[in-house]
């Protein structure tokens, strides 16, 4: 196998590992986003609000918590969108490399 072809295969493998990592990280942010949305729903239904600081739960201003949750939600959405864009670029690169590898393998089979 040609060295250039082997390099492309290695590169493709690395991209696939990166895609898996991005997918896992994106899932973690999606879980956090669901937790924030759940907290917002619970907060809207309650009269009192509490916040956990370290291992202590303290009473807190409901509006302040709402704002913190809203801000956190926006950050998570932005991160998820960023991961989705990076994933799309990596997938595109992987598809290009995969096509090149397959083409080169077909050519080497014909020349053998």
C-alpha atoms as a PDB file:
ATOM      1  CA  UNK A   1       0.000   0.000   0.000  1.00  0.00           C
ATOM      2  CA  UNK A   2       1.337   3.387  -0.916  1.00  0.00           C
ATOM      3  CA  UNK A   3       2.486   5.646   1.877  1.00  0.00           C
ATOM      4  CA  UNK A   4       0.178   8.457   0.734  1.00  0.00           C
ATOM      5  CA  UNK A   5      -2.811   6.120   0.818  1.00  0.00           C
ATOM      6  CA  UNK A   6      -1.873   4.901   4.292  1.00  0.00           C
ATOM      7  CA  UNK A   7      -1.608   8.514   5.476  1.00  0.00           C
ATOM      8  CA  UNK A   8      -5.101   9.234   4.166  1.00  0.00           C
ATOM      9  CA  UNK A   9      -6.472   6.159   5.925  1.00  0.00           C
ATOM     10  CA  UNK A  10      -4.828   7.249   9.174  1.00  0.00           C
ATOM     11  CA  UNK A  11      -6.224  10.750   8.715  1.00  0.00           C
ATOM     12  CA  UNK A  12      -9.695   9.307   8.108  1.00  0.00           C
ATOM     13  CA  UNK A  13      -9.424   7.246  11.283  1.00  0.00           C
ATOM     14  CA  UNK A  14      -8.422  10.321  13.267  1.00  0.00           C
ATOM     15  CA  UNK A  15     -11.353  12.311  11.874  1.00  0.00           C
ATOM     16  CA  UNK A  16     -13.752   9.515  12.844  1.00  0.00           C
ATOM     17  CA  UNK A  17     -12.358   9.535  16.400  1.00  0.00           C
ATOM     18  CA  UNK A  18     -12.828  13.315  16.529  1.00  0.00           C
ATOM     19  CA  UNK A  19     -16.396  12.918  15.305  1.00  0.00           C
ATOM     20  CA  UNK A  20     -17.105  10.456  18.101  1.00  0.00           C
ATOM     21  CA  UNK A  21     -15.623  12.868  20.651  1.00  0.00           C
ATOM     22  CA  UNK A  22     -17.698  15.758  19.289  1.00  0.00           C
ATOM     23  CA  UNK A  23     -20.800  13.606  19.413  1.00  0.00           C
ATOM     24  CA  UNK A  24     -20.204  12.669  23.061  1.00  0.00           C
ATOM     25  CA  UNK A  25     -19.516  16.262  24.083  1.00  0.00           C
ATOM     26  CA  UNK A  26     -22.577  17.488  22.198  1.00  0.00           C
ATOM     27  CA  UNK A  27     -24.706  14.866  23.968  1.00  0.00           C
ATOM     28  CA  UNK A  28     -23.406  16.072  27.339  1.00  0.00           C
ATOM     29  CA  UNK A  29     -24.410  19.642  26.491  1.00  0.00           C
ATOM     30  CA  UNK A  30     -27.816  18.445  25.270  1.00  0.00           C
ATOM     31  CA  UNK A  31     -28.374  16.678  28.602  1.00  0.00           C
ATOM     32  CA  UNK A  32     -27.402  19.862  30.454  1.00  0.00           C
ATOM     33  CA  UNK A  33     -29.783  21.843  28.238  1.00  0.00           C
ATOM     34  CA  UNK A  34     -32.637  19.464  29.089  1.00  0.00           C
ATOM     35  CA  UNK A  35     -31.821  19.857  32.783  1.00  0.00           C
ATOM     36  CA  UNK A  36     -31.890  23.657  32.469  1.00  0.00           C
ATOM     37  CA  UNK A  37     -35.208  23.533  30.609  1.00  0.00           C
ATOM     38  CA  UNK A  38     -36.615  21.230  33.272  1.00  0.00           C
ATOM     39  CA  UNK A  39     -35.399  23.594  36.011  1.00  0.00           C
ATOM     40  CA  UNK A  40     -37.037  26.539  34.206  1.00  0.00           C
ATOM     41  CA  UNK A  41     -40.338  24.657  34.078  1.00  0.00           C
ATOM     42  CA  UNK A  42     -40.166  23.736  37.753  1.00  0.00           C
ATOM     43  CA  UNK A  43     -39.246  27.299  38.656  1.00  0.00           C
ATOM     44  CA  UNK A  44     -42.224  28.714  36.780  1.00  0.00           C
ATOM     45  CA  UNK A  45     -44.537  26.424  38.762  1.00  0.00           C
ATOM     46  CA  UNK A  46     -43.103  27.231  42.194  1.00  0.00           C
ATOM     47  CA  UNK A  47     -43.473  30.176  44.543  1.00  0.00           C
ATOM     48  CA  UNK A  48     -40.081  29.813  46.202  1.00  0.00           C
ATOM     49  CA  UNK A  49     -36.685  29.259  44.670  1.00  0.00           C
ATOM     50  CA  UNK A  50     -33.581  27.594  46.038  1.00  0.00           C
ATOM     51  CA  UNK A  51     -30.092  27.302  44.704  1.00  0.00           C
ATOM     52  CA  UNK A  52     -27.466  24.702  45.535  1.00  0.00           C
ATOM     53  CA  UNK A  53     -24.110  26.219  46.397  1.00  0.00           C
ATOM     54  CA  UNK A  54     -21.486  23.564  47.104  1.00  0.00           C
ATOM     55  CA  UNK A  55     -23.382  21.152  49.350  1.00  0.00           C
ATOM     56  CA  UNK A  56     -25.788  23.725  50.762  1.00  0.00           C
ATOM     57  CA  UNK A  57     -29.219  24.664  49.466  1.00  0.00           C
ATOM     58  CA  UNK A  58     -30.055  28.310  50.056  1.00  0.00           C
ATOM     59  CA  UNK A  59     -33.129  30.382  49.322  1.00  0.00           C
ATOM     60  CA  UNK A  60     -32.583  32.635  46.350  1.00  0.00           C
ATOM     61  CA  UNK A  61     -34.362  35.280  44.303  1.00  0.00           C
ATOM     62  CA  UNK A  62     -36.599  33.546  41.777  1.00  0.00           C
ATOM     63  CA  UNK A  63     -36.028  36.156  39.050  1.00  0.00           C
ATOM     64  CA  UNK A  64     -32.275  35.971  39.516  1.00  0.00           C
ATOM     65  CA  UNK A  65     -32.354  32.198  39.097  1.00  0.00           C
ATOM     66  CA  UNK A  66     -34.579  32.551  36.022  1.00  0.00           C
ATOM     67  CA  UNK A  67     -32.024  34.890  34.459  1.00  0.00           C
ATOM     68  CA  UNK A  68     -29.130  32.556  35.313  1.00  0.00           C
ATOM     69  CA  UNK A  69     -30.997  29.629  33.755  1.00  0.00           C
ATOM     70  CA  UNK A  70     -31.816  31.663  30.648  1.00  0.00           C
ATOM     71  CA  UNK A  71     -28.164  32.701  30.283  1.00  0.00           C
ATOM     72  CA  UNK A  72     -26.973  29.121  30.809  1.00  0.00           C
ATOM     73  CA  UNK A  73     -29.485  27.912  28.252  1.00  0.00           C
ATOM     74  CA  UNK A  74     -28.163  30.359  25.639  1.00  0.00           C
ATOM     75  CA  UNK A  75     -24.554  29.305  26.303  1.00  0.00           C
ATOM     76  CA  UNK A  76     -25.487  25.633  25.936  1.00  0.00           C
ATOM     77  CA  UNK A  77     -27.410  26.252  22.716  1.00  0.00           C
ATOM     78  CA  UNK A  78     -24.435  28.159  21.294  1.00  0.00           C
ATOM     79  CA  UNK A  79     -22.046  25.353  22.223  1.00  0.00           C
ATOM     80  CA  UNK A  80     -24.323  22.726  20.705  1.00  0.00           C
ATOM     81  CA  UNK A  81     -24.587  24.740  17.468  1.00  0.00           C
ATOM     82  CA  UNK A  82     -20.805  25.094  17.408  1.00  0.00           C
ATOM     83  CA  UNK A  83     -20.350  21.340  17.815  1.00  0.00           C
ATOM     84  CA  UNK A  84     -22.902  20.698  15.068  1.00  0.00           C
ATOM     85  CA  UNK A  85     -21.008  22.992  12.677  1.00  0.00           C
ATOM     86  CA  UNK A  86     -17.690  21.344  13.526  1.00  0.00           C
ATOM     87  CA  UNK A  87     -19.254  17.916  13.106  1.00  0.00           C
ATOM     88  CA  UNK A  88     -20.616  18.877   9.695  1.00  0.00           C
ATOM     89  CA  UNK A  89     -17.189  20.081   8.553  1.00  0.00           C
ATOM     90  CA  UNK A  90     -15.501  16.925   9.826  1.00  0.00           C
ATOM     91  CA  UNK A  91     -18.111  14.703   8.178  1.00  0.00           C
ATOM     92  CA  UNK A  92     -17.576  16.518   4.896  1.00  0.00           C
ATOM     93  CA  UNK A  93     -13.804  16.098   5.185  1.00  0.00           C
ATOM     94  CA  UNK A  94     -14.236  12.424   6.086  1.00  0.00           C
ATOM     95  CA  UNK A  95     -16.461  11.825   3.068  1.00  0.00           C
ATOM     96  CA  UNK A  96     -13.900  13.483   0.775  1.00  0.00           C
ATOM     97  CA  UNK A  97     -11.059  11.420   2.227  1.00  0.00           C
ATOM     98  CA  UNK A  98     -13.088   8.230   2.072  1.00  0.00           C
ATOM     99  CA  UNK A  99     -13.827   8.848  -1.610  1.00  0.00           C
ATOM    100  CA  UNK A 100     -10.140   9.520  -2.312  1.00  0.00           C
ATOM    101  CA  UNK A 101      -9.080   6.363  -0.462  1.00  0.00           C
ATOM    102  CA  UNK A 102     -11.619   4.219  -2.304  1.00  0.00           C
ATOM    103  CA  UNK A 103     -10.611   5.698  -5.666  1.00  0.00           C
ATOM    104  CA  UNK A 104      -6.930   5.080  -4.964  1.00  0.00           C
ATOM    105  CA  UNK A 105      -7.630   1.524  -3.814  1.00  0.00           C
ATOM    106  CA  UNK A 106      -9.593   0.828  -6.999  1.00  0.00           C
ATOM    107  CA  UNK A 107      -6.770   2.241  -9.114  1.00  0.00           C
ATOM    108  CA  UNK A 108      -4.164   0.142  -7.316  1.00  0.00           C
ATOM    109  CA  UNK A 109      -6.300  -2.997  -7.835  1.00  0.00           C
ATOM    110  CA  UNK A 110      -6.493  -2.264 -11.565  1.00  0.00           C
ATOM    111  CA  UNK A 111      -2.740  -1.781 -11.833  1.00  0.00           C
ATOM    112  CA  UNK A 112      -1.985  -5.057  -9.998  1.00  0.00           C
END
